[in-house]
Amino acid sequence: MSNVRPRMTHLFQQLGLQDSEEAIAQFIATHQLSRGTQISDADFWTDSQRQFLAEKLKSDGEWAIVVDQLNEVLHNNIHD
């Protein structure tokens, strides 16, 4: 078991996405979610990515914190 706390770069690696700061910023800027959309329900994820996100949120562990952070920034720029 690893003692390394998951970070946003680790989450992007697990999702099979580019994990550089620039790539993460670009992803966030181009994948904003509406207020009522849960992160694991977003239409831009593959089925396996959706499952991974849902499992990590449900686990309520350290990964859940990082997924929740991503959820927050994906909802940041929406003005209803």
PDB file of N, CA and C in Angstrom:
ATOM      1  N   MET A   1       0.839  -1.175   0.000  1.00  0.00           N
ATOM      2  CA  MET A   1       0.000   0.000   0.000  1.00  0.00           C
ATOM      3  C   MET A   1       0.882   1.236   0.000  1.00  0.00           C
ATOM      4  N   SER A   2       0.513   2.195  -0.807  1.00  0.00           N
ATOM      5  CA  SER A   2       1.303   3.402  -0.967  1.00  0.00           C
ATOM      6  C   SER A   2       0.952   4.442   0.091  1.00  0.00           C
ATOM      7  N   ASN A   3       1.971   5.164   0.545  1.00  0.00           N
ATOM      8  CA  ASN A   3       1.751   6.246   1.496  1.00  0.00           C
ATOM      9  C   ASN A   3       1.613   7.592   0.804  1.00  0.00           C
ATOM     10  N   VAL A   4       1.618   7.600  -0.515  1.00  0.00           N
ATOM     11  CA  VAL A   4       1.493   8.829  -1.280  1.00  0.00           C
ATOM     12  C   VAL A   4       0.018   9.224  -1.343  1.00  0.00           C
ATOM     13  N   ARG A   5      -0.263  10.461  -0.947  1.00  0.00           N
ATOM     14  CA  ARG A   5      -1.644  10.950  -1.029  1.00  0.00           C
ATOM     15  C   ARG A   5      -1.987  11.226  -2.485  1.00  0.00           C
ATOM     16  N   PRO A   6      -3.154  10.804  -2.909  1.00  0.00           N
ATOM     17  CA  PRO A   6      -3.567  11.077  -4.290  1.00  0.00           C
ATOM     18  C   PRO A   6      -3.645  12.578  -4.543  1.00  0.00           C
ATOM     19  N   ARG A   7      -3.227  12.961  -5.730  1.00  0.00           N
ATOM     20  CA  ARG A   7      -3.293  14.355  -6.161  1.00  0.00           C
ATOM     21  C   ARG A   7      -4.038  14.401  -7.485  1.00  0.00           C
ATOM     22  N   MET A   8      -4.310  15.602  -7.941  1.00  0.00           N
ATOM     23  CA  MET A   8      -5.038  15.757  -9.197  1.00  0.00           C
ATOM     24  C   MET A   8      -4.286  15.082 -10.349  1.00  0.00           C
ATOM     25  N   THR A   9      -2.966  15.179 -10.357  1.00  0.00           N
ATOM     26  CA  THR A   9      -2.201  14.519 -11.425  1.00  0.00           C
ATOM     27  C   THR A   9      -2.392  13.007 -11.373  1.00  0.00           C
ATOM     28  N   HIS A  10      -2.442  12.445 -10.173  1.00  0.00           N
ATOM     29  CA  HIS A  10      -2.674  11.001 -10.027  1.00  0.00           C
ATOM     30  C   HIS A  10      -4.065  10.621 -10.535  1.00  0.00           C
ATOM     31  N   LEU A  11      -5.045  11.463 -10.233  1.00  0.00           N
ATOM     32  CA  LEU A  11      -6.403  11.195 -10.691  1.00  0.00           C
ATOM     33  C   LEU A  11      -6.457  11.184 -12.217  1.00  0.00           C
ATOM     34  N   PHE A  12      -5.826  12.163 -12.842  1.00  0.00           N
ATOM     35  CA  PHE A  12      -5.818  12.206 -14.299  1.00  0.00           C
ATOM     36  C   PHE A  12      -5.090  10.995 -14.877  1.00  0.00           C
ATOM     37  N   GLN A  13      -4.017  10.558 -14.222  1.00  0.00           N
ATOM     38  CA  GLN A  13      -3.323   9.347 -14.669  1.00  0.00           C
ATOM     39  C   GLN A  13      -4.261   8.150 -14.599  1.00  0.00           C
ATOM     40  N   GLN A  14      -4.980   8.014 -13.490  1.00  0.00           N
ATOM     41  CA  GLN A  14      -5.893   6.886 -13.321  1.00  0.00           C
ATOM     42  C   GLN A  14      -7.028   6.914 -14.336  1.00  0.00           C
ATOM     43  N   LEU A  15      -7.409   8.120 -14.756  1.00  0.00           N
ATOM     44  CA  LEU A  15      -8.475   8.258 -15.750  1.00  0.00           C
ATOM     45  C   LEU A  15      -7.950   8.102 -17.177  1.00  0.00           C
ATOM     46  N   GLY A  16      -6.644   7.939 -17.322  1.00  0.00           N
ATOM     47  CA  GLY A  16      -6.050   7.774 -18.641  1.00  0.00           C
ATOM     48  C   GLY A  16      -5.955   9.077 -19.423  1.00  0.00           C
ATOM     49  N   LEU A  17      -5.888  10.190 -18.697  1.00  0.00           N
ATOM     50  CA  LEU A  17      -5.816  11.507 -19.325  1.00  0.00           C
ATOM     51  C   LEU A  17      -4.428  12.101 -19.136  1.00  0.00           C
ATOM     52  N   GLN A  18      -4.097  13.070 -19.972  1.00  0.00           N
ATOM     53  CA  GLN A  18      -2.820  13.753 -19.818  1.00  0.00           C
ATOM     54  C   GLN A  18      -2.803  14.452 -18.465  1.00  0.00           C
ATOM     55  N   ASP A  19      -1.655  14.388 -17.776  1.00  0.00           N
ATOM     56  CA  ASP A  19      -1.608  14.856 -16.394  1.00  0.00           C
ATOM     57  C   ASP A  19      -0.681  16.044 -16.151  1.00  0.00           C
ATOM     58  N   SER A  20      -0.272  16.730 -17.216  1.00  0.00           N
ATOM     59  CA  SER A  20       0.525  17.939 -17.003  1.00  0.00           C
ATOM     60  C   SER A  20      -0.387  19.047 -16.479  1.00  0.00           C
ATOM     61  N   GLU A  21       0.199  20.035 -15.846  1.00  0.00           N
ATOM     62  CA  GLU A  21      -0.603  21.153 -15.326  1.00  0.00           C
ATOM     63  C   GLU A  21      -1.398  21.814 -16.446  1.00  0.00           C
ATOM     64  N   GLU A  22      -0.773  21.977 -17.593  1.00  0.00           N
ATOM     65  CA  GLU A  22      -1.435  22.623 -18.732  1.00  0.00           C
ATOM     66  C   GLU A  22      -2.604  21.772 -19.229  1.00  0.00           C
ATOM     67  N   ALA A  23      -2.392  20.468 -19.327  1.00  0.00           N
ATOM     68  CA  ALA A  23      -3.449  19.573 -19.816  1.00  0.00           C
ATOM     69  C   ALA A  23      -4.624  19.542 -18.839  1.00  0.00           C
ATOM     70  N   ILE A  24      -4.335  19.523 -17.548  1.00  0.00           N
ATOM     71  CA  ILE A  24      -5.403  19.526 -16.548  1.00  0.00           C
ATOM     72  C   ILE A  24      -6.189  20.829 -16.622  1.00  0.00           C
ATOM     73  N   ALA A  25      -5.489  21.958 -16.713  1.00  0.00           N
ATOM     74  CA  ALA A  25      -6.157  23.261 -16.810  1.00  0.00           C
ATOM     75  C   ALA A  25      -7.031  23.329 -18.065  1.00  0.00           C
ATOM     76  N   GLN A  26      -6.526  22.815 -19.168  1.00  0.00           N
ATOM     77  CA  GLN A  26      -7.291  22.817 -20.418  1.00  0.00           C
ATOM     78  C   GLN A  26      -8.530  21.931 -20.299  1.00  0.00           C
ATOM     79  N   PHE A  27      -8.373  20.760 -19.690  1.00  0.00           N
ATOM     80  CA  PHE A  27      -9.509  19.861 -19.498  1.00  0.00           C
ATOM     81  C   PHE A  27     -10.596  20.550 -18.672  1.00  0.00           C
ATOM     82  N   ILE A  28     -10.191  21.166 -17.589  1.00  0.00           N
ATOM     83  CA  ILE A  28     -11.148  21.845 -16.713  1.00  0.00           C
ATOM     84  C   ILE A  28     -11.858  22.975 -17.455  1.00  0.00           C
ATOM     85  N   ALA A  29     -11.111  23.750 -18.212  1.00  0.00           N
ATOM     86  CA  ALA A  29     -11.691  24.874 -18.944  1.00  0.00           C
ATOM     87  C   ALA A  29     -12.689  24.429 -20.008  1.00  0.00           C
ATOM     88  N   THR A  30     -12.485  23.250 -20.568  1.00  0.00           N
ATOM     89  CA  THR A  30     -13.325  22.799 -21.687  1.00  0.00           C
ATOM     90  C   THR A  30     -14.356  21.740 -21.302  1.00  0.00           C
ATOM     91  N   HIS A  31     -14.447  21.413 -20.026  1.00  0.00           N
ATOM     92  CA  HIS A  31     -15.389  20.380 -19.589  1.00  0.00           C
ATOM     93  C   HIS A  31     -16.206  20.827 -18.379  1.00  0.00           C
ATOM     94  N   GLN A  32     -16.723  22.035 -18.423  1.00  0.00           N
ATOM     95  CA  GLN A  32     -17.530  22.530 -17.321  1.00  0.00           C
ATOM     96  C   GLN A  32     -18.877  21.817 -17.263  1.00  0.00           C
ATOM     97  N   LEU A  33     -19.360  21.600 -16.050  1.00  0.00           N
ATOM     98  CA  LEU A  33     -20.621  20.889 -15.820  1.00  0.00           C
ATOM     99  C   LEU A  33     -21.699  21.845 -15.337  1.00  0.00           C
ATOM    100  N   SER A  34     -22.922  21.570 -15.718  1.00  0.00           N
ATOM    101  CA  SER A  34     -24.044  22.357 -15.212  1.00  0.00           C
ATOM    102  C   SER A  34     -24.282  22.007 -13.751  1.00  0.00           C
ATOM    103  N   ARG A  35     -24.939  22.873 -13.057  1.00  0.00           N
ATOM    104  CA  ARG A  35     -25.136  22.730 -11.619  1.00  0.00           C
ATOM    105  C   ARG A  35     -25.751  21.386 -11.223  1.00  0.00           C
ATOM    106  N   GLY A  36     -26.678  20.875 -11.978  1.00  0.00           N
ATOM    107  CA  GLY A  36     -27.357  19.641 -11.606  1.00  0.00           C
ATOM    108  C   GLY A  36     -26.662  18.355 -12.032  1.00  0.00           C
ATOM    109  N   THR A  37     -25.526  18.463 -12.701  1.00  0.00           N
ATOM    110  CA  THR A  37     -24.830  17.274 -13.204  1.00  0.00           C
ATOM    111  C   THR A  37     -23.776  16.806 -12.217  1.00  0.00           C
ATOM    112  N   GLN A  38     -23.890  15.561 -11.796  1.00  0.00           N
ATOM    113  CA  GLN A  38     -22.870  14.982 -10.921  1.00  0.00           C
ATOM    114  C   GLN A  38     -21.668  14.597 -11.769  1.00  0.00           C
ATOM    115  N   ILE A  39     -20.498  14.675 -11.180  1.00  0.00           N
ATOM    116  CA  ILE A  39     -19.269  14.413 -11.932  1.00  0.00           C
ATOM    117  C   ILE A  39     -19.284  13.053 -12.612  1.00  0.00           C
ATOM    118  N   SER A  40     -19.762  12.034 -11.942  1.00  0.00           N
ATOM    119  CA  SER A  40     -19.736  10.691 -12.532  1.00  0.00           C
ATOM    120  C   SER A  40     -20.822  10.496 -13.590  1.00  0.00           C
ATOM    121  N   ASP A  41     -21.710  11.471 -13.747  1.00  0.00           N
ATOM    122  CA  ASP A  41     -22.753  11.391 -14.774  1.00  0.00           C
ATOM    123  C   ASP A  41     -22.430  12.201 -16.021  1.00  0.00           C
ATOM    124  N   ALA A  42     -21.296  12.886 -16.018  1.00  0.00           N
ATOM    125  CA  ALA A  42     -20.938  13.722 -17.168  1.00  0.00           C
ATOM    126  C   ALA A  42     -20.795  12.873 -18.421  1.00  0.00           C
ATOM    127  N   ASP A  43     -21.261  13.414 -19.539  1.00  0.00           N
ATOM    128  CA  ASP A  43     -21.265  12.637 -20.779  1.00  0.00           C
ATOM    129  C   ASP A  43     -19.903  12.514 -21.449  1.00  0.00           C
ATOM    130  N   PHE A  44     -18.894  13.217 -20.961  1.00  0.00           N
ATOM    131  CA  PHE A  44     -17.573  13.136 -21.596  1.00  0.00           C
ATOM    132  C   PHE A  44     -16.701  12.013 -21.054  1.00  0.00           C
ATOM    133  N   TRP A  45     -17.152  11.308 -20.008  1.00  0.00           N
ATOM    134  CA  TRP A  45     -16.374  10.184 -19.469  1.00  0.00           C
ATOM    135  C   TRP A  45     -16.696   8.910 -20.220  1.00  0.00           C
ATOM    136  N   THR A  46     -15.748   8.000 -20.263  1.00  0.00           N
ATOM    137  CA  THR A  46     -16.032   6.650 -20.746  1.00  0.00           C
ATOM    138  C   THR A  46     -16.732   5.899 -19.609  1.00  0.00           C
ATOM    139  N   ASP A  47     -17.274   4.741 -19.905  1.00  0.00           N
ATOM    140  CA  ASP A  47     -17.935   3.947 -18.864  1.00  0.00           C
ATOM    141  C   ASP A  47     -16.971   3.603 -17.729  1.00  0.00           C
ATOM    142  N   SER A  48     -15.740   3.229 -18.072  1.00  0.00           N
ATOM    143  CA  SER A  48     -14.778   2.860 -17.024  1.00  0.00           C
ATOM    144  C   SER A  48     -14.366   4.079 -16.195  1.00  0.00           C
ATOM    145  N   GLN A  49     -14.243   5.237 -16.813  1.00  0.00           N
ATOM    146  CA  GLN A  49     -13.933   6.453 -16.057  1.00  0.00           C
ATOM    147  C   GLN A  49     -15.078   6.801 -15.104  1.00  0.00           C
ATOM    148  N   ARG A  50     -16.307   6.695 -15.597  1.00  0.00           N
ATOM    149  CA  ARG A  50     -17.486   6.953 -14.762  1.00  0.00           C
ATOM    150  C   ARG A  50     -17.506   6.021 -13.553  1.00  0.00           C
ATOM    151  N   GLN A  51     -17.252   4.753 -13.806  1.00  0.00           N
ATOM    152  CA  GLN A  51     -17.248   3.761 -12.733  1.00  0.00           C
ATOM    153  C   GLN A  51     -16.157   4.075 -11.710  1.00  0.00           C
ATOM    154  N   PHE A  52     -14.966   4.412 -12.179  1.00  0.00           N
ATOM    155  CA  PHE A  52     -13.862   4.751 -11.293  1.00  0.00           C
ATOM    156  C   PHE A  52     -14.231   5.944 -10.406  1.00  0.00           C
ATOM    157  N   LEU A  53     -14.763   6.999 -11.001  1.00  0.00           N
ATOM    158  CA  LEU A  53     -15.128   8.195 -10.235  1.00  0.00           C
ATOM    159  C   LEU A  53     -16.211   7.886  -9.203  1.00  0.00           C
ATOM    160  N   ALA A  54     -17.228   7.147  -9.621  1.00  0.00           N
ATOM    161  CA  ALA A  54     -18.316   6.799  -8.703  1.00  0.00           C
ATOM    162  C   ALA A  54     -17.805   5.955  -7.535  1.00  0.00           C
ATOM    163  N   GLU A  55     -16.943   4.980  -7.819  1.00  0.00           N
ATOM    164  CA  GLU A  55     -16.389   4.124  -6.765  1.00  0.00           C
ATOM    165  C   GLU A  55     -15.543   4.926  -5.782  1.00  0.00           C
ATOM    166  N   LYS A  56     -14.737   5.838  -6.298  1.00  0.00           N
ATOM    167  CA  LYS A  56     -13.869   6.627  -5.420  1.00  0.00           C
ATOM    168  C   LYS A  56     -14.675   7.573  -4.556  1.00  0.00           C
ATOM    169  N   LEU A  57     -15.721   8.158  -5.103  1.00  0.00           N
ATOM    170  CA  LEU A  57     -16.573   9.025  -4.292  1.00  0.00           C
ATOM    171  C   LEU A  57     -17.286   8.228  -3.200  1.00  0.00           C
ATOM    172  N   LYS A  58     -17.756   7.062  -3.563  1.00  0.00           N
ATOM    173  CA  LYS A  58     -18.477   6.205  -2.617  1.00  0.00           C
ATOM    174  C   LYS A  58     -17.568   5.710  -1.503  1.00  0.00           C
ATOM    175  N   SER A  59     -16.282   5.521  -1.809  1.00  0.00           N
ATOM    176  CA  SER A  59     -15.341   5.001  -0.819  1.00  0.00           C
ATOM    177  C   SER A  59     -15.089   5.977   0.316  1.00  0.00           C
ATOM    178  N   ASP A  60     -15.283   7.260   0.049  1.00  0.00           N
ATOM    179  CA  ASP A  60     -15.101   8.310   1.045  1.00  0.00           C
ATOM    180  C   ASP A  60     -13.689   8.312   1.629  1.00  0.00           C
ATOM    181  N   GLY A  61     -12.715   7.864   0.843  1.00  0.00           N
ATOM    182  CA  GLY A  61     -11.317   7.860   1.267  1.00  0.00           C
ATOM    183  C   GLY A  61     -10.571   9.049   0.684  1.00  0.00           C
ATOM    184  N   GLU A  62      -9.248   8.938   0.639  1.00  0.00           N
ATOM    185  CA  GLU A  62      -8.431  10.036   0.119  1.00  0.00           C
ATOM    186  C   GLU A  62      -8.713  10.326  -1.349  1.00  0.00           C
ATOM    187  N   TRP A  63      -9.025   9.280  -2.126  1.00  0.00           N
ATOM    188  CA  TRP A  63      -9.364   9.513  -3.529  1.00  0.00           C
ATOM    189  C   TRP A  63     -10.643  10.336  -3.651  1.00  0.00           C
ATOM    190  N   ALA A  64     -11.575  10.140  -2.733  1.00  0.00           N
ATOM    191  CA  ALA A  64     -12.831  10.894  -2.781  1.00  0.00           C
ATOM    192  C   ALA A  64     -12.574  12.390  -2.668  1.00  0.00           C
ATOM    193  N   ILE A  65     -11.584  12.768  -1.898  1.00  0.00           N
ATOM    194  CA  ILE A  65     -11.243  14.180  -1.736  1.00  0.00           C
ATOM    195  C   ILE A  65     -10.790  14.772  -3.067  1.00  0.00           C
ATOM    196  N   VAL A  66      -9.944  14.045  -3.777  1.00  0.00           N
ATOM    197  CA  VAL A  66      -9.432  14.535  -5.059  1.00  0.00           C
ATOM    198  C   VAL A  66     -10.538  14.576  -6.112  1.00  0.00           C
ATOM    199  N   VAL A  67     -11.386  13.550  -6.141  1.00  0.00           N
ATOM    200  CA  VAL A  67     -12.509  13.536  -7.084  1.00  0.00           C
ATOM    201  C   VAL A  67     -13.445  14.698  -6.769  1.00  0.00           C
ATOM    202  N   ASP A  68     -13.683  14.961  -5.500  1.00  0.00           N
ATOM    203  CA  ASP A  68     -14.535  16.079  -5.109  1.00  0.00           C
ATOM    204  C   ASP A  68     -13.918  17.418  -5.515  1.00  0.00           C
ATOM    205  N   GLN A  69     -12.608  17.526  -5.420  1.00  0.00           N
ATOM    206  CA  GLN A  69     -11.933  18.750  -5.869  1.00  0.00           C
ATOM    207  C   GLN A  69     -12.131  18.949  -7.369  1.00  0.00           C
ATOM    208  N   LEU A  70     -11.999  17.876  -8.132  1.00  0.00           N
ATOM    209  CA  LEU A  70     -12.229  17.973  -9.571  1.00  0.00           C
ATOM    210  C   LEU A  70     -13.681  18.344  -9.837  1.00  0.00           C
ATOM    211  N   ASN A  71     -14.591  17.734  -9.128  1.00  0.00           N
ATOM    212  CA  ASN A  71     -16.009  18.052  -9.259  1.00  0.00           C
ATOM    213  C   ASN A  71     -16.242  19.544  -9.037  1.00  0.00           C
ATOM    214  N   GLU A  72     -15.630  20.078  -8.009  1.00  0.00           N
ATOM    215  CA  GLU A  72     -15.803  21.493  -7.677  1.00  0.00           C
ATOM    216  C   GLU A  72     -15.310  22.401  -8.804  1.00  0.00           C
ATOM    217  N   VAL A  73     -14.125  22.135  -9.335  1.00  0.00           N
ATOM    218  CA  VAL A  73     -13.598  23.001 -10.384  1.00  0.00           C
ATOM    219  C   VAL A  73     -14.348  22.830 -11.713  1.00  0.00           C
ATOM    220  N   LEU A  74     -14.932  21.652 -11.939  1.00  0.00           N
ATOM    221  CA  LEU A  74     -15.720  21.463 -13.154  1.00  0.00           C
ATOM    222  C   LEU A  74     -17.051  22.185 -13.078  1.00  0.00           C
ATOM    223  N   HIS A  75     -17.455  22.594 -11.883  1.00  0.00           N
ATOM    224  CA  HIS A  75     -18.680  23.371 -11.696  1.00  0.00           C
ATOM    225  C   HIS A  75     -18.399  24.854 -11.460  1.00  0.00           C
ATOM    226  N   ASN A  76     -17.143  25.239 -11.411  1.00  0.00           N
ATOM    227  CA  ASN A  76     -16.742  26.606 -11.047  1.00  0.00           C
ATOM    228  C   ASN A  76     -17.269  27.707 -11.939  1.00  0.00           C
ATOM    229  N   ASN A  77     -17.247  27.516 -13.224  1.00  0.00           N
ATOM    230  CA  ASN A  77     -17.530  28.612 -14.148  1.00  0.00           C
ATOM    231  C   ASN A  77     -18.966  28.657 -14.632  1.00  0.00           C
ATOM    232  N   ILE A  78     -19.832  27.897 -14.011  1.00  0.00           N
ATOM    233  CA  ILE A  78     -21.232  27.863 -14.439  1.00  0.00           C
ATOM    234  C   ILE A  78     -22.005  28.923 -13.652  1.00  0.00           C
ATOM    235  N   HIS A  79     -22.688  29.758 -14.392  1.00  0.00           N
ATOM    236  CA  HIS A  79     -23.513  30.809 -13.781  1.00  0.00           C
ATOM    237  C   HIS A  79     -24.948  30.586 -14.206  1.00  0.00           C
ATOM    238  N   ASP A  80     -25.790  30.166 -13.291  1.00  0.00           N
ATOM    239  CA  ASP A  80     -27.200  29.920 -13.609  1.00  0.00           C
ATOM    240  C   ASP A  80     -28.019  31.168 -13.320  1.00  0.00           C
TER     241      ASP A  80
END
